Amino acid sequence: MSASAARRLRGRLSLRGRLLAIALLLLVVALLGSDGLVVALLQRDLVHQLDDRLRAAATVAARLPALPDVAGDQVPQVRETVEQHLSGEVYVAYLDPEGRVRRAVRPVSRHAPELPRLDAAAVGARRHRPFEVPAAGGGEDWRVIVVPGPGRTPGGAETVAADGGSVVVAGSLSQAGATIRQLGVRVLVIDSLVLGLLGVAGWFAVRAGLRPLRRIETTAAAIADGDLSSRVPELAASRTELGRLAAALNGMLERIEGGDAARAATAERMRRFVSDASHELRTPLFGIKGFTELYRMGGMPERADVDGAMNRIEREAARLVRLVEDLLLLARLDEHAASADLPLRLTPMDLRTLAADALHDLRALDPGRPVALTGPGGGPPGGAPVLGDEARLRQVTSNLIGNAVAHTPPGTPVRIGVGTRDGLAVLELRDEGPGLSPEQAARVFDRFYRADGARGRAEGGGAGLGLAIVASLTAAHHGRVEVHTAPGDGATFRVLLPLHG
């Protein structure tokens, strides 16, 4: 099989099929290796056993009394003595000193061993070590042992090899080969059955083991269909690979869902922003357009009418300019919110200056309103050194004052607090007006939001961008703005900035 064909086959197999194929392949290799080792060890043991029997038979045959040249009554007795130490097909012969066969005590009918030249020198070189020779005419090999004759028996009788000859005993390896072949067939049959049973069991085991992955697949499919709230169940302990995978996927899904929710919220805020901005821009534009059309149609015959219309157009244009400037400021602050390149001119300053100026501005706007300058929460005012853009921070105080004047009844007391608290510079404005509900307080810094129901909007009031600008400018100075309020308990707007020096 070519490499490309193997890759195509792997691509068509499922993970379960590949795991099962790998497991079965490893099992086949293990079985073949172990079976081969067992067969080799068994074959070696069988050959060693045959060698031991041949060695014993050769020793006995060498010590037998000399036989007559013509076989007689003693030949069957000699054969029985030798066969007590032999089993299977054997060949026993006596050789003269030149290595020629002098007498075959136990001949074989066919496939006799092809003996090499076994003279006295060859016999001495063999030193009782078994060796293998092929069979004449083909067939199984033979194991051969040749031993020299000892000369005379302990009783003084001449032995068969007393003249310097030797004794050859050969045993056929056919019985050992048949045993090995039979064992091999049985091993193959058993291995096939084992592989079949393990393949079926492994299929179900791998299927059960991959069940958690199928649940992850189902969850991923649900997410692909748009259900970002789906989560991978805890399928295993967190220290396992599957547990870590589930935790990683759930973390990724939470980030994806959070990002999607954030994008949806941003899109909704942008839609609402565009809608509110369009509405706020449309109001002064329609006023300007209405007066110009009235003038064009001749509806202002008197000079006083024209002057009044021009004053209204001027006011609407100024309102339009303020709105556009506020929108541009918010856009610049949003653009630079994540960078250090803020559109600010930072210099060391003290918030006490802004608080004192705010006190005078508030008295000028509403002379009948009681105004006090204190520290944060009361007490004497204190220093609050910061690194800030004085013009932008004056815009913060101006918007807070305008908010208090526009959304509290005339004559409502106002307190301006300045100082430090918890390592931060504090500038706060406290009014004793009608206050805000928790829902209104949560949205009070949203752009174009106006809590008209609770804090009546004065005629010609703002567009709802003042507090949004306060929050954005405070954040640009690496600070924050807080609101503390309750219905009927007034409202406290507190600007917190990092201390400088």
Foldseek 3Di string as FASTA:
>chain_A
DDPVVVVVVVVPDDPLRVVLVVVLVVVVVVLVVVLVVVLVVLLVVVVVLQLVLQLVLQVVQLAAFADDLDDDPCLVVSVVVSCVSDDADKWKFKAAQFQHTSGTSRDDDAQAFDDDGCHLVNLVVCVQPWDWTGTPPHDFIKIKGKHAHPQHHPVGGGHNRNNGIIMMMIHGCPVVVVVSVVVVVVSVVVSVVVSVVCSVVSSVVSVVVCPLVVQVVVQVVVVVVPPLVGARDQPDDCVDPSNVVRVVVRVVSVVVVVVVVVVVVVVVLVVVVVVLLVVQLVVLVVLLVVLVVCVVVPVPVDPVSVVVSVVSNVVSVVQNVVSVVLVVQVVQLVVCLPDLPHPADWDKDKCVVLLVVLQVVLCVVAVLAAEEEDAVVGHHAATFIATGRVVLVNLLSVLVSLVCVFFFDRRWYKYWHWDDDPQWTKTKIWTQGQWDAPVCQVCLLRAQDDPCVRGPGDVPHHRSNSSVSNQSRLVSQVWGWHWDTHGRGTIMIMTIHHGDD
